[in-house]
Amino acid sequence: QVQLVESGGGSVQAGGSLRLSCAISGYPYAANCLGWFRQTPGKEREGIASIYTGDGSTSYADSVKGRFTISHVNAENSMYLQMDSLKPEDTAMYYCAAPKYARYCRQVQRSADFDYWGQGTQVTVVS
């Protein structure tokens, strides 16, 4: 059984930082593409960052590039999202995700490219 659990969300002032964690268990692939997404009510989930765990290569959406950093610890199969210089527009429910089949990734992935999702962790940025 594949499970993903996010943590680390909360409320922060604009310009502040948060570090999100994603604990992954029951996943059969040692090298694969993983991603972080965010969603606000009435909108589709938006891919913001991805990482290929085989070589550590990362990709970011333009909206977060230079402010967010995705990372992965292979030994624990834990993924992280360091968020700096947060803006009110970053307010959303944040999700981590994994695909059904292992694959390479060199660009931010679409929501449809993933099959396993965490329950989400809320990030609220206030002015």
N, C-alpha and C. Protein backbone atom coordinates (compact mmCIF):
# COMPACT_ATOMS: atom_id res chain seq x y z
N GLN A 1 0.84 -1.18 0.00
CA GLN A 1 0.00 0.00 0.00
C GLN A 1 0.89 1.25 0.00
N VAL A 2 0.68 2.12 -0.96
CA VAL A 2 1.45 3.35 -1.07
C VAL A 2 0.77 4.44 -0.26
N GLN A 3 1.54 5.11 0.58
CA GLN A 3 1.02 6.21 1.37
C GLN A 3 1.98 7.38 1.33
N LEU A 4 1.43 8.58 1.21
CA LEU A 4 2.19 9.81 1.26
C LEU A 4 1.55 10.70 2.31
N VAL A 5 2.35 11.26 3.20
CA VAL A 5 1.84 12.09 4.28
C VAL A 5 2.63 13.38 4.33
N GLU A 6 1.95 14.51 4.11
CA GLU A 6 2.58 15.82 4.18
C GLU A 6 2.50 16.38 5.60
N SER A 7 3.44 17.25 5.92
CA SER A 7 3.43 17.95 7.19
C SER A 7 4.24 19.23 7.05
N GLY A 8 4.09 20.13 8.00
CA GLY A 8 4.89 21.34 8.03
C GLY A 8 4.17 22.60 7.62
N GLY A 9 2.91 22.50 7.22
CA GLY A 9 2.15 23.67 6.83
C GLY A 9 1.78 24.53 8.03
N GLY A 10 1.26 25.71 7.74
CA GLY A 10 0.86 26.62 8.79
C GLY A 10 0.64 28.00 8.25
N SER A 11 0.53 28.96 9.15
CA SER A 11 0.33 30.36 8.79
C SER A 11 1.63 31.12 8.98
N VAL A 12 1.96 31.96 8.01
CA VAL A 12 3.21 32.70 8.05
C VAL A 12 3.02 34.08 7.43
N GLN A 13 3.78 35.05 7.90
CA GLN A 13 3.73 36.38 7.34
C GLN A 13 4.42 36.42 5.98
N ALA A 14 3.96 37.30 5.11
CA ALA A 14 4.60 37.47 3.82
C ALA A 14 6.09 37.74 4.00
N GLY A 15 6.89 37.09 3.18
CA GLY A 15 8.34 37.20 3.29
C GLY A 15 8.96 36.14 4.17
N GLY A 16 8.14 35.38 4.88
CA GLY A 16 8.64 34.34 5.76
C GLY A 16 8.91 33.04 5.03
N SER A 17 9.21 31.99 5.82
CA SER A 17 9.58 30.70 5.27
C SER A 17 8.86 29.56 5.96
N LEU A 18 8.68 28.48 5.23
CA LEU A 18 8.15 27.23 5.77
C LEU A 18 8.87 26.08 5.08
N ARG A 19 8.96 24.95 5.77
CA ARG A 19 9.55 23.74 5.21
C ARG A 19 8.53 22.62 5.30
N LEU A 20 8.10 22.12 4.16
CA LEU A 20 7.14 21.03 4.10
C LEU A 20 7.85 19.70 3.95
N SER A 21 7.28 18.67 4.57
CA SER A 21 7.83 17.32 4.48
C SER A 21 6.81 16.38 3.88
N CYS A 22 7.29 15.35 3.21
CA CYS A 22 6.43 14.32 2.64
C CYS A 22 7.06 12.96 2.93
N ALA A 23 6.41 12.18 3.78
CA ALA A 23 6.88 10.84 4.10
C ALA A 23 6.20 9.84 3.18
N ILE A 24 6.99 9.06 2.47
CA ILE A 24 6.49 8.12 1.48
C ILE A 24 6.77 6.70 1.95
N SER A 25 5.76 5.84 1.93
CA SER A 25 5.92 4.45 2.33
C SER A 25 5.21 3.53 1.35
N GLY A 26 5.68 2.29 1.26
CA GLY A 26 5.06 1.30 0.41
C GLY A 26 5.26 1.52 -1.08
N TYR A 27 6.19 2.39 -1.46
CA TYR A 27 6.43 2.70 -2.86
C TYR A 27 7.52 1.79 -3.40
N PRO A 28 7.27 1.10 -4.53
CA PRO A 28 8.20 0.05 -5.00
C PRO A 28 9.41 0.53 -5.79
N TYR A 29 9.49 1.81 -6.13
CA TYR A 29 10.56 2.29 -7.00
C TYR A 29 11.60 3.09 -6.23
N ALA A 30 12.88 2.72 -6.42
CA ALA A 30 13.97 3.43 -5.78
C ALA A 30 14.31 4.73 -6.52
N ALA A 31 14.16 4.72 -7.82
CA ALA A 31 14.44 5.90 -8.64
C ALA A 31 13.17 6.25 -9.41
N ASN A 32 12.65 7.45 -9.18
CA ASN A 32 11.40 7.83 -9.80
C ASN A 32 11.22 9.34 -9.73
N CYS A 33 10.19 9.80 -10.41
CA CYS A 33 9.85 11.22 -10.40
C CYS A 33 8.81 11.49 -9.31
N LEU A 34 9.08 12.47 -8.47
CA LEU A 34 8.15 12.89 -7.43
C LEU A 34 7.84 14.37 -7.60
N GLY A 35 6.71 14.81 -7.06
CA GLY A 35 6.34 16.19 -7.26
C GLY A 35 5.59 16.82 -6.10
N TRP A 36 5.64 18.14 -6.06
CA TRP A 36 4.84 18.95 -5.15
C TRP A 36 3.82 19.73 -5.97
N PHE A 37 2.60 19.77 -5.47
CA PHE A 37 1.51 20.50 -6.11
C PHE A 37 0.82 21.39 -5.09
N ARG A 38 0.06 22.34 -5.58
CA ARG A 38 -0.77 23.16 -4.69
C ARG A 38 -2.11 23.43 -5.36
N GLN A 39 -3.12 23.67 -4.53
CA GLN A 39 -4.46 23.86 -5.03
C GLN A 39 -5.24 24.81 -4.15
N THR A 40 -5.99 25.71 -4.78
CA THR A 40 -6.91 26.60 -4.09
C THR A 40 -8.32 26.22 -4.52
N PRO A 41 -9.35 26.57 -3.72
CA PRO A 41 -10.72 26.20 -4.06
C PRO A 41 -11.13 26.66 -5.45
N GLY A 42 -11.74 25.76 -6.22
CA GLY A 42 -12.22 26.09 -7.54
C GLY A 42 -11.18 26.00 -8.64
N LYS A 43 -9.95 25.65 -8.32
CA LYS A 43 -8.89 25.56 -9.31
C LYS A 43 -8.29 24.16 -9.33
N GLU A 44 -7.70 23.81 -10.47
CA GLU A 44 -7.02 22.53 -10.59
C GLU A 44 -5.71 22.56 -9.83
N ARG A 45 -5.24 21.39 -9.46
CA ARG A 45 -3.95 21.31 -8.80
C ARG A 45 -2.84 21.75 -9.76
N GLU A 46 -1.95 22.58 -9.24
CA GLU A 46 -0.87 23.16 -10.02
C GLU A 46 0.45 22.53 -9.61
N GLY A 47 1.19 22.01 -10.59
CA GLY A 47 2.51 21.50 -10.31
C GLY A 47 3.48 22.63 -10.08
N ILE A 48 4.22 22.59 -8.97
CA ILE A 48 5.15 23.66 -8.65
C ILE A 48 6.60 23.20 -8.61
N ALA A 49 6.83 21.91 -8.38
CA ALA A 49 8.21 21.42 -8.33
C ALA A 49 8.23 19.92 -8.55
N SER A 50 9.30 19.42 -9.13
CA SER A 50 9.48 17.99 -9.32
C SER A 50 10.94 17.63 -9.11
N ILE A 51 11.17 16.37 -8.80
CA ILE A 51 12.53 15.88 -8.62
C ILE A 51 12.61 14.45 -9.12
N TYR A 52 13.68 14.14 -9.84
CA TYR A 52 13.96 12.77 -10.23
C TYR A 52 14.96 12.22 -9.22
N THR A 53 14.53 11.24 -8.44
CA THR A 53 15.36 10.76 -7.33
C THR A 53 16.57 9.97 -7.79
N GLY A 54 16.60 9.54 -9.06
CA GLY A 54 17.75 8.80 -9.56
C GLY A 54 19.01 9.63 -9.64
N ASP A 55 18.89 10.92 -9.96
CA ASP A 55 20.07 11.78 -10.06
C ASP A 55 19.90 13.11 -9.33
N GLY A 56 18.73 13.33 -8.73
CA GLY A 56 18.51 14.55 -7.96
C GLY A 56 18.17 15.77 -8.78
N SER A 57 17.93 15.63 -10.06
CA SER A 57 17.60 16.77 -10.90
C SER A 57 16.23 17.33 -10.51
N THR A 58 16.11 18.65 -10.53
CA THR A 58 14.90 19.32 -10.08
C THR A 58 14.36 20.27 -11.13
N SER A 59 13.06 20.54 -11.05
CA SER A 59 12.39 21.48 -11.93
C SER A 59 11.39 22.29 -11.12
N TYR A 60 11.14 23.54 -11.55
CA TYR A 60 10.25 24.42 -10.82
C TYR A 60 9.35 25.20 -11.75
N ALA A 61 8.13 25.46 -11.28
CA ALA A 61 7.25 26.36 -11.99
C ALA A 61 7.79 27.79 -11.88
N ASP A 62 7.52 28.61 -12.89
CA ASP A 62 8.02 29.97 -12.88
C ASP A 62 7.56 30.74 -11.65
N SER A 63 6.38 30.42 -11.15
CA SER A 63 5.81 31.15 -10.03
C SER A 63 6.59 30.97 -8.72
N VAL A 64 7.37 29.90 -8.62
CA VAL A 64 8.10 29.62 -7.39
C VAL A 64 9.61 29.53 -7.59
N LYS A 65 10.06 29.58 -8.82
CA LYS A 65 11.49 29.44 -9.12
C LYS A 65 12.28 30.52 -8.39
N GLY A 66 13.35 30.10 -7.75
CA GLY A 66 14.19 31.01 -7.00
C GLY A 66 13.77 31.21 -5.57
N ARG A 67 12.57 30.74 -5.21
CA ARG A 67 12.05 30.88 -3.85
C ARG A 67 11.84 29.54 -3.16
N PHE A 68 11.47 28.51 -3.92
CA PHE A 68 11.21 27.18 -3.37
C PHE A 68 12.32 26.23 -3.78
N THR A 69 12.62 25.26 -2.91
CA THR A 69 13.63 24.25 -3.19
C THR A 69 13.09 22.87 -2.83
N ILE A 70 13.07 21.96 -3.81
CA ILE A 70 12.62 20.60 -3.58
C ILE A 70 13.85 19.72 -3.34
N SER A 71 13.72 18.76 -2.43
CA SER A 71 14.81 17.83 -2.15
C SER A 71 14.25 16.48 -1.75
N HIS A 72 15.12 15.47 -1.75
CA HIS A 72 14.70 14.12 -1.43
C HIS A 72 15.83 13.38 -0.75
N VAL A 73 15.49 12.62 0.29
CA VAL A 73 16.45 11.78 0.99
C VAL A 73 16.14 10.34 0.61
N ASN A 74 16.99 9.74 -0.21
CA ASN A 74 16.73 8.42 -0.75
C ASN A 74 16.63 7.33 0.33
N ALA A 75 17.48 7.39 1.34
CA ALA A 75 17.51 6.36 2.36
C ALA A 75 16.19 6.25 3.12
N GLU A 76 15.49 7.35 3.26
CA GLU A 76 14.23 7.39 4.00
C GLU A 76 13.02 7.55 3.10
N ASN A 77 13.25 7.79 1.82
CA ASN A 77 12.19 8.12 0.88
C ASN A 77 11.31 9.24 1.42
N SER A 78 11.98 10.30 1.83
CA SER A 78 11.30 11.49 2.31
C SER A 78 11.59 12.64 1.37
N MET A 79 10.57 13.43 1.07
CA MET A 79 10.71 14.57 0.19
C MET A 79 10.40 15.85 0.95
N TYR A 80 11.07 16.93 0.56
CA TYR A 80 10.90 18.19 1.26
C TYR A 80 10.69 19.33 0.27
N LEU A 81 10.05 20.38 0.76
CA LEU A 81 9.88 21.60 -0.01
C LEU A 81 10.19 22.77 0.90
N GLN A 82 11.34 23.39 0.69
CA GLN A 82 11.72 24.58 1.42
C GLN A 82 11.14 25.78 0.70
N MET A 83 10.31 26.56 1.39
CA MET A 83 9.64 27.70 0.79
C MET A 83 10.13 28.97 1.48
N ASP A 84 10.76 29.84 0.70
CA ASP A 84 11.28 31.10 1.21
C ASP A 84 10.61 32.26 0.48
N SER A 85 10.71 33.45 1.06
CA SER A 85 10.12 34.65 0.47
C SER A 85 8.67 34.43 0.08
N LEU A 86 7.90 33.88 0.99
CA LEU A 86 6.51 33.53 0.70
C LEU A 86 5.66 34.77 0.44
N LYS A 87 4.72 34.61 -0.49
CA LYS A 87 3.80 35.66 -0.89
C LYS A 87 2.37 35.24 -0.58
N PRO A 88 1.45 36.19 -0.41
CA PRO A 88 0.05 35.81 -0.19
C PRO A 88 -0.50 34.89 -1.28
N GLU A 89 -0.05 35.05 -2.51
CA GLU A 89 -0.51 34.21 -3.61
C GLU A 89 -0.04 32.76 -3.49
N ASP A 90 0.88 32.48 -2.57
CA ASP A 90 1.31 31.11 -2.31
C ASP A 90 0.34 30.36 -1.41
N THR A 91 -0.65 31.05 -0.87
CA THR A 91 -1.64 30.42 -0.01
C THR A 91 -2.38 29.33 -0.78
N ALA A 92 -2.36 28.11 -0.26
CA ALA A 92 -2.98 26.97 -0.93
C ALA A 92 -2.83 25.73 -0.07
N MET A 93 -3.52 24.67 -0.48
CA MET A 93 -3.27 23.36 0.08
C MET A 93 -2.15 22.73 -0.73
N TYR A 94 -1.12 22.27 -0.06
CA TYR A 94 0.04 21.70 -0.74
C TYR A 94 0.04 20.19 -0.63
N TYR A 95 0.31 19.53 -1.76
CA TYR A 95 0.28 18.07 -1.84
C TYR A 95 1.59 17.54 -2.40
N CYS A 96 2.02 16.39 -1.92
CA CYS A 96 3.10 15.66 -2.57
C CYS A 96 2.49 14.49 -3.33
N ALA A 97 3.18 14.05 -4.38
CA ALA A 97 2.61 13.05 -5.26
C ALA A 97 3.68 12.15 -5.87
N ALA A 98 3.27 10.93 -6.23
CA ALA A 98 4.13 9.96 -6.88
C ALA A 98 3.38 9.28 -8.01
N PRO A 99 4.08 8.91 -9.08
CA PRO A 99 3.41 8.24 -10.20
C PRO A 99 3.28 6.74 -9.97
N LYS A 100 2.37 6.12 -10.74
CA LYS A 100 2.19 4.68 -10.62
C LYS A 100 3.41 3.92 -11.12
N TYR A 101 4.05 4.44 -12.17
CA TYR A 101 5.22 3.81 -12.75
C TYR A 101 6.41 4.76 -12.69
N ALA A 102 7.58 4.19 -12.40
CA ALA A 102 8.79 5.00 -12.34
C ALA A 102 9.10 5.59 -13.71
N ARG A 103 9.58 6.83 -13.71
CA ARG A 103 9.93 7.49 -14.95
C ARG A 103 10.87 8.66 -14.69
N TYR A 104 11.52 9.11 -15.75
CA TYR A 104 12.36 10.30 -15.66
C TYR A 104 11.49 11.55 -15.69
N CYS A 105 11.99 12.64 -15.16
CA CYS A 105 11.33 13.91 -15.33
C CYS A 105 12.37 15.03 -15.31
N ARG A 106 12.23 15.95 -16.24
CA ARG A 106 13.13 17.10 -16.35
C ARG A 106 12.34 18.41 -16.39
N GLN A 107 11.04 18.32 -16.24
CA GLN A 107 10.17 19.49 -16.20
C GLN A 107 9.11 19.28 -15.13
N VAL A 108 8.47 20.36 -14.72
CA VAL A 108 7.38 20.27 -13.77
C VAL A 108 6.28 19.40 -14.37
N GLN A 109 5.75 18.49 -13.56
CA GLN A 109 4.78 17.52 -14.05
C GLN A 109 3.35 18.04 -13.94
N ARG A 110 2.46 17.42 -14.72
CA ARG A 110 1.04 17.72 -14.65
C ARG A 110 0.40 16.87 -13.55
N SER A 111 -0.73 17.33 -13.03
CA SER A 111 -1.47 16.56 -12.04
C SER A 111 -1.82 15.17 -12.57
N ALA A 112 -2.16 15.08 -13.87
CA ALA A 112 -2.56 13.82 -14.47
C ALA A 112 -1.42 12.82 -14.56
N ASP A 113 -0.18 13.27 -14.37
CA ASP A 113 0.97 12.39 -14.45
C ASP A 113 1.22 11.62 -13.16
N PHE A 114 0.45 11.91 -12.12
CA PHE A 114 0.64 11.27 -10.83
C PHE A 114 -0.59 10.51 -10.40
N ASP A 115 -0.37 9.47 -9.59
CA ASP A 115 -1.44 8.58 -9.17
C ASP A 115 -1.62 8.51 -7.66
N TYR A 116 -0.56 8.70 -6.91
CA TYR A 116 -0.61 8.61 -5.46
C TYR A 116 -0.42 9.99 -4.86
N TRP A 117 -1.31 10.35 -3.93
CA TRP A 117 -1.32 11.69 -3.34
C TRP A 117 -1.40 11.64 -1.83
N GLY A 118 -0.80 12.63 -1.20
CA GLY A 118 -0.97 12.80 0.23
C GLY A 118 -2.28 13.51 0.52
N GLN A 119 -2.57 13.70 1.79
CA GLN A 119 -3.82 14.33 2.20
C GLN A 119 -3.77 15.85 2.11
N GLY A 120 -2.58 16.40 1.97
CA GLY A 120 -2.41 17.83 1.86
C GLY A 120 -2.09 18.49 3.18
N THR A 121 -1.37 19.60 3.10
CA THR A 121 -1.08 20.43 4.27
C THR A 121 -1.30 21.88 3.87
N GLN A 122 -2.04 22.61 4.70
CA GLN A 122 -2.44 23.97 4.36
C GLN A 122 -1.33 24.96 4.65
N VAL A 123 -1.07 25.84 3.68
CA VAL A 123 -0.13 26.94 3.84
C VAL A 123 -0.90 28.24 3.64
N THR A 124 -0.84 29.11 4.62
CA THR A 124 -1.52 30.40 4.55
C THR A 124 -0.50 31.51 4.76
N VAL A 125 -0.41 32.41 3.80
CA VAL A 125 0.52 33.52 3.86
C VAL A 125 -0.29 34.81 3.97
N VAL A 126 -0.05 35.57 5.01
CA VAL A 126 -0.81 36.80 5.26
C VAL A 126 0.08 38.01 5.04
N SER A 127 -0.55 39.09 4.56
CA SER A 127 0.17 40.33 4.29
C SER A 127 0.47 41.07 5.58
